[in-house]
Amino acid sequence: MNEMSRRDHAAMASNFAALPLGEQLILWGLRMWVKAYTQGENIQDTLRNGFKLAGAPAAHPALDAMMTVFSTVGRGAMDIRCPQCTDISADEHRILGAIAACQSTLDSHAGDAFLDCWMPPTALRVVREPIHQLAMALREARLMVRPRPWALHAPRTEEVCEVDVEPTATVH
């Protein structure tokens, strides 16, 4: 196991309620988007209103674009939990890690290492812009995401489950 500081471990072990508002908002958006996608529903008004109420209306279209890229050209499965789930998957931490990396630098490639396990190189180039837009919209609203360097080494869904998976997003 990699060396972790107490702070990194605490962030990894956090449950949903213990996260700062910005991180909760992202996970809520991811989880609601995936649930609606898998059920064939349209909840864009709900997501739009949620981000608007949080003071980050520009984050909604960026999150939608990011999730659209993940769901259409991503490979493997992402463990995105249901909206009511209190724990956070390693895959959700990876996404948060990519957003945090983009918030801390102007480099649009900053989040690549967190996402390249799901994205072929072409898709990674496409998803950079919406992730960067999401990170900047949250940053402008002062909704910062904590860095998660340990998430780079967290096991992927396939590694944990040791099963073949379809190339779609899954909801816990």
N, C-alpha and C. Protein backbone atom coordinates (compact mmCIF):
# COMPACT_ATOMS: atom_id res chain seq x y z
N MET A 1 0.84 -1.18 0.00
CA MET A 1 0.00 0.00 0.00
C MET A 1 0.88 1.24 0.00
N ASN A 2 0.44 2.27 -0.67
CA ASN A 2 1.19 3.52 -0.74
C ASN A 2 1.15 4.23 0.59
N GLU A 3 2.18 5.01 0.84
CA GLU A 3 2.19 5.84 2.03
C GLU A 3 1.14 6.93 1.88
N MET A 4 0.36 7.17 2.92
CA MET A 4 -0.65 8.22 2.88
C MET A 4 -0.53 9.06 4.14
N SER A 5 -0.75 10.33 3.99
CA SER A 5 -0.79 11.17 5.18
C SER A 5 -2.14 10.94 5.86
N ARG A 6 -2.25 11.34 7.10
CA ARG A 6 -3.54 11.21 7.81
C ARG A 6 -4.63 11.99 7.08
N ARG A 7 -4.28 13.14 6.54
CA ARG A 7 -5.26 13.96 5.83
C ARG A 7 -5.76 13.26 4.58
N ASP A 8 -4.84 12.67 3.78
CA ASP A 8 -5.26 11.95 2.59
C ASP A 8 -6.15 10.78 2.96
N HIS A 9 -5.77 10.04 3.98
CA HIS A 9 -6.57 8.89 4.38
C HIS A 9 -7.95 9.33 4.86
N ALA A 10 -8.00 10.42 5.60
CA ALA A 10 -9.28 10.91 6.08
C ALA A 10 -10.17 11.30 4.90
N ALA A 11 -9.59 11.92 3.87
CA ALA A 11 -10.38 12.29 2.71
C ALA A 11 -10.88 11.04 1.99
N MET A 12 -10.04 10.02 1.90
CA MET A 12 -10.44 8.79 1.21
C MET A 12 -11.54 8.08 1.99
N ALA A 13 -11.47 8.10 3.31
CA ALA A 13 -12.42 7.36 4.12
C ALA A 13 -13.72 8.12 4.36
N SER A 14 -13.79 9.36 3.92
CA SER A 14 -14.96 10.20 4.17
C SER A 14 -16.23 9.60 3.60
N ASN A 15 -17.31 9.88 4.29
CA ASN A 15 -18.60 9.56 3.69
C ASN A 15 -19.16 10.84 3.08
N PHE A 16 -20.22 10.72 2.36
CA PHE A 16 -20.79 11.84 1.61
C PHE A 16 -21.05 13.05 2.50
N ALA A 17 -21.66 12.84 3.64
CA ALA A 17 -22.04 13.95 4.52
C ALA A 17 -20.83 14.70 5.06
N ALA A 18 -19.66 14.06 5.12
CA ALA A 18 -18.47 14.70 5.65
C ALA A 18 -17.73 15.54 4.61
N LEU A 19 -18.14 15.48 3.36
CA LEU A 19 -17.45 16.21 2.30
C LEU A 19 -17.85 17.68 2.30
N PRO A 20 -16.95 18.55 1.84
CA PRO A 20 -17.33 19.96 1.66
C PRO A 20 -18.41 20.09 0.58
N LEU A 21 -19.10 21.21 0.59
CA LEU A 21 -20.23 21.42 -0.32
C LEU A 21 -19.88 21.19 -1.78
N GLY A 22 -18.75 21.70 -2.24
CA GLY A 22 -18.37 21.54 -3.64
C GLY A 22 -18.25 20.08 -4.05
N GLU A 23 -17.66 19.27 -3.19
CA GLU A 23 -17.50 17.84 -3.48
C GLU A 23 -18.86 17.13 -3.43
N GLN A 24 -19.70 17.51 -2.47
CA GLN A 24 -21.05 16.95 -2.42
C GLN A 24 -21.82 17.30 -3.68
N LEU A 25 -21.69 18.54 -4.13
CA LEU A 25 -22.41 18.98 -5.32
C LEU A 25 -21.99 18.17 -6.55
N ILE A 26 -20.70 17.96 -6.71
CA ILE A 26 -20.23 17.17 -7.85
C ILE A 26 -20.76 15.75 -7.77
N LEU A 27 -20.63 15.11 -6.62
CA LEU A 27 -21.12 13.74 -6.49
C LEU A 27 -22.62 13.65 -6.70
N TRP A 28 -23.36 14.60 -6.16
CA TRP A 28 -24.80 14.63 -6.39
C TRP A 28 -25.09 14.71 -7.89
N GLY A 29 -24.40 15.61 -8.57
CA GLY A 29 -24.60 15.77 -10.01
C GLY A 29 -24.25 14.51 -10.79
N LEU A 30 -23.10 13.91 -10.47
CA LEU A 30 -22.69 12.67 -11.14
C LEU A 30 -23.73 11.57 -10.92
N ARG A 31 -24.10 11.39 -9.68
CA ARG A 31 -25.01 10.30 -9.32
C ARG A 31 -26.40 10.49 -9.92
N MET A 32 -26.90 11.70 -9.87
CA MET A 32 -28.22 11.98 -10.45
C MET A 32 -28.17 11.81 -11.97
N TRP A 33 -27.10 12.25 -12.60
CA TRP A 33 -26.96 12.15 -14.04
C TRP A 33 -26.95 10.67 -14.45
N VAL A 34 -26.15 9.86 -13.77
CA VAL A 34 -26.06 8.44 -14.12
C VAL A 34 -27.38 7.72 -13.87
N LYS A 35 -28.02 8.02 -12.77
CA LYS A 35 -29.32 7.39 -12.48
C LYS A 35 -30.33 7.72 -13.59
N ALA A 36 -30.40 8.99 -13.97
CA ALA A 36 -31.33 9.39 -15.03
C ALA A 36 -30.95 8.74 -16.36
N TYR A 37 -29.66 8.69 -16.66
CA TYR A 37 -29.17 8.09 -17.90
C TYR A 37 -29.57 6.61 -17.98
N THR A 38 -29.37 5.89 -16.91
CA THR A 38 -29.67 4.45 -16.92
C THR A 38 -31.17 4.18 -16.93
N GLN A 39 -31.95 5.13 -16.44
CA GLN A 39 -33.40 4.96 -16.41
C GLN A 39 -34.10 5.66 -17.58
N GLY A 40 -33.33 6.28 -18.46
CA GLY A 40 -33.90 6.95 -19.62
C GLY A 40 -34.72 8.18 -19.27
N GLU A 41 -34.36 8.86 -18.21
CA GLU A 41 -35.09 10.05 -17.77
C GLU A 41 -34.31 11.31 -18.09
N ASN A 42 -34.99 12.43 -18.09
CA ASN A 42 -34.36 13.72 -18.30
C ASN A 42 -34.50 14.53 -17.01
N ILE A 43 -33.38 14.76 -16.34
CA ILE A 43 -33.42 15.55 -15.10
C ILE A 43 -32.56 16.81 -15.21
N GLN A 44 -32.38 17.28 -16.43
CA GLN A 44 -31.52 18.44 -16.64
C GLN A 44 -32.00 19.67 -15.89
N ASP A 45 -33.31 19.86 -15.80
CA ASP A 45 -33.82 21.02 -15.04
C ASP A 45 -33.45 20.92 -13.56
N THR A 46 -33.53 19.72 -13.01
CA THR A 46 -33.16 19.51 -11.60
C THR A 46 -31.68 19.80 -11.40
N LEU A 47 -30.84 19.27 -12.28
CA LEU A 47 -29.40 19.51 -12.17
C LEU A 47 -29.09 20.99 -12.35
N ARG A 48 -29.69 21.61 -13.34
CA ARG A 48 -29.47 23.04 -13.60
C ARG A 48 -29.82 23.87 -12.36
N ASN A 49 -30.97 23.58 -11.77
CA ASN A 49 -31.39 24.31 -10.58
C ASN A 49 -30.48 24.06 -9.39
N GLY A 50 -30.03 22.83 -9.23
CA GLY A 50 -29.13 22.51 -8.13
C GLY A 50 -27.82 23.29 -8.22
N PHE A 51 -27.23 23.33 -9.40
CA PHE A 51 -25.99 24.07 -9.57
C PHE A 51 -26.22 25.58 -9.45
N LYS A 52 -27.37 26.04 -9.92
CA LYS A 52 -27.69 27.47 -9.79
C LYS A 52 -27.83 27.85 -8.32
N LEU A 53 -28.56 27.03 -7.54
CA LEU A 53 -28.73 27.31 -6.12
C LEU A 53 -27.41 27.29 -5.36
N ALA A 54 -26.47 26.49 -5.82
CA ALA A 54 -25.15 26.42 -5.17
C ALA A 54 -24.24 27.57 -5.62
N GLY A 55 -24.71 28.40 -6.54
CA GLY A 55 -23.92 29.53 -6.99
C GLY A 55 -22.96 29.21 -8.11
N ALA A 56 -23.16 28.06 -8.76
CA ALA A 56 -22.26 27.65 -9.85
C ALA A 56 -23.06 27.20 -11.07
N PRO A 57 -23.88 28.10 -11.64
CA PRO A 57 -24.73 27.68 -12.77
C PRO A 57 -23.93 27.21 -13.99
N ALA A 58 -22.74 27.74 -14.19
CA ALA A 58 -21.93 27.34 -15.34
C ALA A 58 -21.38 25.91 -15.20
N ALA A 59 -21.44 25.36 -13.99
CA ALA A 59 -20.93 24.01 -13.78
C ALA A 59 -21.87 22.95 -14.38
N HIS A 60 -23.15 23.25 -14.47
CA HIS A 60 -24.09 22.25 -14.98
C HIS A 60 -23.80 21.81 -16.41
N PRO A 61 -23.69 22.73 -17.38
CA PRO A 61 -23.41 22.25 -18.74
C PRO A 61 -22.07 21.54 -18.86
N ALA A 62 -21.10 21.94 -18.06
CA ALA A 62 -19.80 21.27 -18.08
C ALA A 62 -19.90 19.85 -17.54
N LEU A 63 -20.64 19.67 -16.45
CA LEU A 63 -20.84 18.33 -15.89
C LEU A 63 -21.58 17.45 -16.90
N ASP A 64 -22.60 18.00 -17.54
CA ASP A 64 -23.36 17.24 -18.52
C ASP A 64 -22.47 16.83 -19.69
N ALA A 65 -21.64 17.73 -20.18
CA ALA A 65 -20.73 17.41 -21.28
C ALA A 65 -19.72 16.35 -20.86
N MET A 66 -19.16 16.48 -19.67
CA MET A 66 -18.21 15.49 -19.16
C MET A 66 -18.85 14.11 -19.09
N MET A 67 -20.04 14.05 -18.51
CA MET A 67 -20.71 12.76 -18.35
C MET A 67 -21.13 12.17 -19.69
N THR A 68 -21.48 13.01 -20.63
CA THR A 68 -21.82 12.52 -21.96
C THR A 68 -20.61 11.87 -22.61
N VAL A 69 -19.44 12.48 -22.48
CA VAL A 69 -18.22 11.88 -23.02
C VAL A 69 -17.93 10.56 -22.31
N PHE A 70 -18.00 10.56 -20.97
CA PHE A 70 -17.76 9.32 -20.23
C PHE A 70 -18.68 8.20 -20.71
N SER A 71 -19.95 8.50 -20.89
CA SER A 71 -20.93 7.46 -21.20
C SER A 71 -20.90 7.00 -22.65
N THR A 72 -20.37 7.83 -23.53
CA THR A 72 -20.38 7.44 -24.94
C THR A 72 -19.07 6.87 -25.44
N VAL A 73 -17.95 7.34 -24.93
CA VAL A 73 -16.67 6.85 -25.45
C VAL A 73 -15.73 6.31 -24.38
N GLY A 74 -16.20 6.28 -23.14
CA GLY A 74 -15.37 5.71 -22.08
C GLY A 74 -15.26 4.19 -22.25
N ARG A 75 -14.26 3.61 -21.64
CA ARG A 75 -14.10 2.16 -21.69
C ARG A 75 -14.14 1.61 -20.27
N GLY A 76 -14.68 0.42 -20.14
CA GLY A 76 -14.82 -0.19 -18.82
C GLY A 76 -16.01 0.39 -18.09
N ALA A 77 -16.10 0.09 -16.83
CA ALA A 77 -17.20 0.56 -16.00
C ALA A 77 -16.68 1.55 -14.97
N MET A 78 -17.51 2.52 -14.66
CA MET A 78 -17.21 3.47 -13.59
C MET A 78 -18.17 3.15 -12.45
N ASP A 79 -17.65 3.08 -11.27
CA ASP A 79 -18.49 2.83 -10.10
C ASP A 79 -19.02 4.15 -9.59
N ILE A 80 -20.17 4.55 -10.12
CA ILE A 80 -20.85 5.75 -9.67
C ILE A 80 -22.00 5.27 -8.80
N ARG A 81 -22.01 5.68 -7.56
CA ARG A 81 -22.99 5.19 -6.59
C ARG A 81 -24.36 5.84 -6.80
N CYS A 82 -25.37 5.26 -6.18
CA CYS A 82 -26.72 5.82 -6.26
C CYS A 82 -26.77 7.12 -5.45
N PRO A 83 -27.72 8.02 -5.76
CA PRO A 83 -27.76 9.31 -5.07
C PRO A 83 -27.91 9.20 -3.55
N GLN A 84 -28.51 8.15 -3.04
CA GLN A 84 -28.72 8.01 -1.60
C GLN A 84 -27.54 7.35 -0.89
N CYS A 85 -26.58 6.85 -1.61
CA CYS A 85 -25.45 6.13 -1.01
C CYS A 85 -24.59 7.08 -0.18
N THR A 86 -24.20 6.63 1.00
CA THR A 86 -23.40 7.49 1.88
C THR A 86 -21.89 7.32 1.67
N ASP A 87 -21.47 6.23 1.05
CA ASP A 87 -20.03 6.07 0.84
C ASP A 87 -19.66 6.52 -0.57
N ILE A 88 -18.36 6.63 -0.79
CA ILE A 88 -17.83 7.17 -2.04
C ILE A 88 -16.92 6.13 -2.66
N SER A 89 -17.14 5.84 -3.93
CA SER A 89 -16.33 4.83 -4.61
C SER A 89 -14.96 5.39 -4.97
N ALA A 90 -14.03 4.50 -5.23
CA ALA A 90 -12.70 4.91 -5.69
C ALA A 90 -12.82 5.65 -7.02
N ASP A 91 -13.74 5.22 -7.87
CA ASP A 91 -13.92 5.88 -9.17
C ASP A 91 -14.44 7.30 -8.99
N GLU A 92 -15.35 7.50 -8.05
CA GLU A 92 -15.84 8.86 -7.77
C GLU A 92 -14.69 9.73 -7.24
N HIS A 93 -13.84 9.14 -6.41
CA HIS A 93 -12.67 9.89 -5.93
C HIS A 93 -11.75 10.25 -7.09
N ARG A 94 -11.61 9.36 -8.08
CA ARG A 94 -10.78 9.68 -9.25
C ARG A 94 -11.32 10.91 -9.98
N ILE A 95 -12.63 10.94 -10.18
CA ILE A 95 -13.23 12.08 -10.87
C ILE A 95 -13.02 13.35 -10.06
N LEU A 96 -13.24 13.28 -8.76
CA LEU A 96 -12.98 14.43 -7.90
C LEU A 96 -11.51 14.84 -7.98
N GLY A 97 -10.62 13.86 -8.04
CA GLY A 97 -9.19 14.14 -8.16
C GLY A 97 -8.85 14.89 -9.44
N ALA A 98 -9.49 14.50 -10.54
CA ALA A 98 -9.25 15.18 -11.82
C ALA A 98 -9.72 16.62 -11.75
N ILE A 99 -10.88 16.84 -11.14
CA ILE A 99 -11.41 18.20 -11.02
C ILE A 99 -10.51 19.03 -10.11
N ALA A 100 -10.06 18.45 -9.00
CA ALA A 100 -9.16 19.17 -8.09
C ALA A 100 -7.86 19.55 -8.79
N ALA A 101 -7.33 18.63 -9.59
CA ALA A 101 -6.09 18.92 -10.31
C ALA A 101 -6.28 20.09 -11.27
N CYS A 102 -7.41 20.14 -11.93
CA CYS A 102 -7.68 21.24 -12.86
C CYS A 102 -7.92 22.56 -12.13
N GLN A 103 -8.47 22.49 -10.93
CA GLN A 103 -8.69 23.72 -10.16
C GLN A 103 -7.38 24.34 -9.70
N SER A 104 -6.39 23.51 -9.48
CA SER A 104 -5.14 24.01 -8.89
C SER A 104 -4.12 24.49 -9.92
N THR A 105 -4.43 24.37 -11.20
CA THR A 105 -3.49 24.78 -12.23
C THR A 105 -4.25 25.23 -13.47
N LEU A 106 -3.60 25.94 -14.33
CA LEU A 106 -4.20 26.34 -15.60
C LEU A 106 -3.98 25.29 -16.68
N ASP A 107 -3.28 24.23 -16.36
CA ASP A 107 -2.97 23.17 -17.31
C ASP A 107 -4.20 22.29 -17.53
N SER A 108 -4.74 22.28 -18.73
CA SER A 108 -5.93 21.48 -19.01
C SER A 108 -5.65 19.98 -19.00
N HIS A 109 -4.39 19.60 -19.00
CA HIS A 109 -4.01 18.19 -18.95
C HIS A 109 -3.87 17.68 -17.51
N ALA A 110 -4.05 18.55 -16.55
CA ALA A 110 -3.77 18.21 -15.15
C ALA A 110 -4.55 17.01 -14.64
N GLY A 111 -5.76 16.80 -15.11
CA GLY A 111 -6.58 15.70 -14.63
C GLY A 111 -6.43 14.41 -15.40
N ASP A 112 -5.62 14.41 -16.45
CA ASP A 112 -5.51 13.24 -17.33
C ASP A 112 -5.15 11.95 -16.60
N ALA A 113 -4.21 12.03 -15.69
CA ALA A 113 -3.74 10.81 -15.01
C ALA A 113 -4.85 10.14 -14.20
N PHE A 114 -5.84 10.91 -13.77
CA PHE A 114 -6.94 10.34 -13.00
C PHE A 114 -7.95 9.63 -13.91
N LEU A 115 -7.97 9.99 -15.18
CA LEU A 115 -9.02 9.52 -16.08
C LEU A 115 -8.54 8.57 -17.17
N ASP A 116 -7.23 8.46 -17.38
CA ASP A 116 -6.77 7.67 -18.52
C ASP A 116 -7.07 6.18 -18.40
N CYS A 117 -7.45 5.73 -17.22
CA CYS A 117 -7.84 4.32 -17.06
C CYS A 117 -9.18 4.03 -17.74
N TRP A 118 -10.00 5.06 -17.98
CA TRP A 118 -11.30 4.88 -18.64
C TRP A 118 -11.32 5.42 -20.06
N MET A 119 -10.44 6.35 -20.36
CA MET A 119 -10.57 7.09 -21.60
C MET A 119 -9.43 6.77 -22.57
N PRO A 120 -9.79 6.35 -23.79
CA PRO A 120 -8.73 6.24 -24.80
C PRO A 120 -8.18 7.65 -25.08
N PRO A 121 -6.98 7.74 -25.65
CA PRO A 121 -6.35 9.05 -25.83
C PRO A 121 -7.22 10.09 -26.54
N THR A 122 -7.94 9.69 -27.57
CA THR A 122 -8.79 10.65 -28.28
C THR A 122 -9.90 11.17 -27.38
N ALA A 123 -10.54 10.29 -26.64
CA ALA A 123 -11.62 10.70 -25.73
C ALA A 123 -11.07 11.56 -24.60
N LEU A 124 -9.87 11.26 -24.15
CA LEU A 124 -9.24 12.06 -23.10
C LEU A 124 -9.06 13.50 -23.57
N ARG A 125 -8.67 13.67 -24.82
CA ARG A 125 -8.54 15.03 -25.37
C ARG A 125 -9.90 15.74 -25.41
N VAL A 126 -10.97 14.99 -25.71
CA VAL A 126 -12.30 15.59 -25.80
C VAL A 126 -12.82 15.97 -24.41
N VAL A 127 -12.57 15.13 -23.40
CA VAL A 127 -13.14 15.36 -22.07
C VAL A 127 -12.38 16.44 -21.28
N ARG A 128 -11.20 16.79 -21.73
CA ARG A 128 -10.41 17.81 -21.01
C ARG A 128 -11.16 19.13 -20.88
N GLU A 129 -11.76 19.59 -21.94
CA GLU A 129 -12.41 20.90 -21.92
C GLU A 129 -13.58 20.95 -20.93
N PRO A 130 -14.53 19.99 -20.97
CA PRO A 130 -15.61 20.09 -19.98
C PRO A 130 -15.14 19.92 -18.54
N ILE A 131 -14.13 19.10 -18.31
CA ILE A 131 -13.62 18.96 -16.94
C ILE A 131 -12.98 20.27 -16.49
N HIS A 132 -12.22 20.88 -17.37
CA HIS A 132 -11.60 22.16 -17.02
C HIS A 132 -12.68 23.23 -16.78
N GLN A 133 -13.72 23.26 -17.62
CA GLN A 133 -14.81 24.21 -17.43
C GLN A 133 -15.53 23.97 -16.10
N LEU A 134 -15.76 22.71 -15.78
CA LEU A 134 -16.41 22.37 -14.50
C LEU A 134 -15.54 22.83 -13.33
N ALA A 135 -14.25 22.54 -13.40
CA ALA A 135 -13.34 22.93 -12.33
C ALA A 135 -13.31 24.45 -12.15
N MET A 136 -13.26 25.18 -13.26
CA MET A 136 -13.21 26.64 -13.17
C MET A 136 -14.53 27.23 -12.69
N ALA A 137 -15.66 26.67 -13.14
CA ALA A 137 -16.96 27.17 -12.68
C ALA A 137 -17.11 26.98 -11.17
N LEU A 138 -16.65 25.85 -10.66
CA LEU A 138 -16.71 25.60 -9.22
C LEU A 138 -15.74 26.52 -8.47
N ARG A 139 -14.57 26.70 -9.05
CA ARG A 139 -13.57 27.58 -8.43
C ARG A 139 -14.09 29.01 -8.34
N GLU A 140 -14.71 29.50 -9.41
CA GLU A 140 -15.27 30.85 -9.40
C GLU A 140 -16.35 31.00 -8.33
N ALA A 141 -17.06 29.90 -8.04
CA ALA A 141 -18.10 29.92 -7.00
C ALA A 141 -17.51 29.62 -5.62
N ARG A 142 -16.19 29.53 -5.55
CA ARG A 142 -15.47 29.23 -4.31
C ARG A 142 -15.84 27.85 -3.74
N LEU A 143 -16.09 26.92 -4.64
CA LEU A 143 -16.39 25.53 -4.27
C LEU A 143 -15.19 24.70 -4.68
N MET A 144 -14.21 24.66 -3.78
CA MET A 144 -12.95 23.98 -4.09
C MET A 144 -13.04 22.49 -3.76
N VAL A 145 -12.32 21.71 -4.56
CA VAL A 145 -12.25 20.27 -4.37
C VAL A 145 -10.85 19.96 -3.85
N ARG A 146 -10.79 19.15 -2.79
CA ARG A 146 -9.50 18.80 -2.19
C ARG A 146 -8.71 17.85 -3.09
N PRO A 147 -7.40 18.04 -3.17
CA PRO A 147 -6.57 17.13 -3.97
C PRO A 147 -6.65 15.70 -3.44
N ARG A 148 -6.53 14.75 -4.34
CA ARG A 148 -6.59 13.32 -4.01
C ARG A 148 -5.48 12.57 -4.74
N PRO A 149 -4.22 12.84 -4.42
CA PRO A 149 -3.15 12.15 -5.15
C PRO A 149 -3.20 10.63 -4.99
N TRP A 150 -3.68 10.15 -3.86
CA TRP A 150 -3.79 8.71 -3.62
C TRP A 150 -4.82 8.06 -4.53
N ALA A 151 -5.77 8.83 -5.07
CA ALA A 151 -6.80 8.26 -5.95
C ALA A 151 -6.21 7.75 -7.26
N LEU A 152 -5.03 8.23 -7.61
CA LEU A 152 -4.36 7.73 -8.82
C LEU A 152 -4.07 6.24 -8.72
N HIS A 153 -3.89 5.76 -7.51
CA HIS A 153 -3.51 4.36 -7.29
C HIS A 153 -4.65 3.52 -6.73
N ALA A 154 -5.83 4.09 -6.63
CA ALA A 154 -6.98 3.33 -6.13
C ALA A 154 -7.37 2.28 -7.16
N PRO A 155 -7.77 1.09 -6.72
CA PRO A 155 -8.15 0.05 -7.68
C PRO A 155 -9.40 0.45 -8.45
N ARG A 156 -9.41 0.10 -9.73
CA ARG A 156 -10.58 0.35 -10.57
C ARG A 156 -11.64 -0.70 -10.29
N THR A 157 -12.85 -0.44 -10.75
CA THR A 157 -13.97 -1.35 -10.53
C THR A 157 -13.63 -2.76 -10.99
N GLU A 158 -13.06 -2.90 -12.18
CA GLU A 158 -12.74 -4.23 -12.69
C GLU A 158 -11.72 -4.93 -11.80
N GLU A 159 -10.77 -4.16 -11.24
CA GLU A 159 -9.74 -4.74 -10.38
C GLU A 159 -10.33 -5.21 -9.06
N VAL A 160 -11.33 -4.51 -8.56
CA VAL A 160 -11.97 -4.88 -7.31
C VAL A 160 -12.89 -6.08 -7.53
N CYS A 161 -13.68 -6.02 -8.60
CA CYS A 161 -14.69 -7.05 -8.85
C CYS A 161 -14.14 -8.27 -9.57
N GLU A 162 -13.06 -8.08 -10.33
CA GLU A 162 -12.47 -9.15 -11.12
C GLU A 162 -13.49 -9.82 -12.04
N VAL A 163 -14.27 -9.01 -12.72
CA VAL A 163 -15.24 -9.50 -13.69
C VAL A 163 -15.16 -8.67 -14.94
N ASP A 164 -15.64 -9.23 -16.06
CA ASP A 164 -15.73 -8.45 -17.29
C ASP A 164 -16.92 -7.52 -17.17
N VAL A 165 -16.74 -6.31 -17.64
CA VAL A 165 -17.81 -5.33 -17.53
C VAL A 165 -18.11 -4.73 -18.89
N GLU A 166 -19.31 -4.26 -19.06
CA GLU A 166 -19.72 -3.57 -20.27
C GLU A 166 -19.14 -2.17 -20.26
N PRO A 167 -18.91 -1.58 -21.43
CA PRO A 167 -18.34 -0.23 -21.48
C PRO A 167 -19.38 0.85 -21.24
N THR A 168 -20.04 0.80 -20.09
CA THR A 168 -21.03 1.82 -19.74
C THR A 168 -20.85 2.20 -18.29
N ALA A 169 -21.44 3.29 -17.93
CA ALA A 169 -21.42 3.70 -16.52
C ALA A 169 -22.39 2.83 -15.74
N THR A 170 -22.04 2.48 -14.53
CA THR A 170 -22.92 1.68 -13.70
C THR A 170 -23.27 2.44 -12.44
N VAL A 171 -24.45 2.17 -11.93
CA VAL A 171 -24.89 2.79 -10.69
C VAL A 171 -24.94 1.72 -9.62
N HIS A 172 -24.40 2.04 -8.47
CA HIS A 172 -24.40 1.11 -7.34
C HIS A 172 -25.79 1.03 -6.76
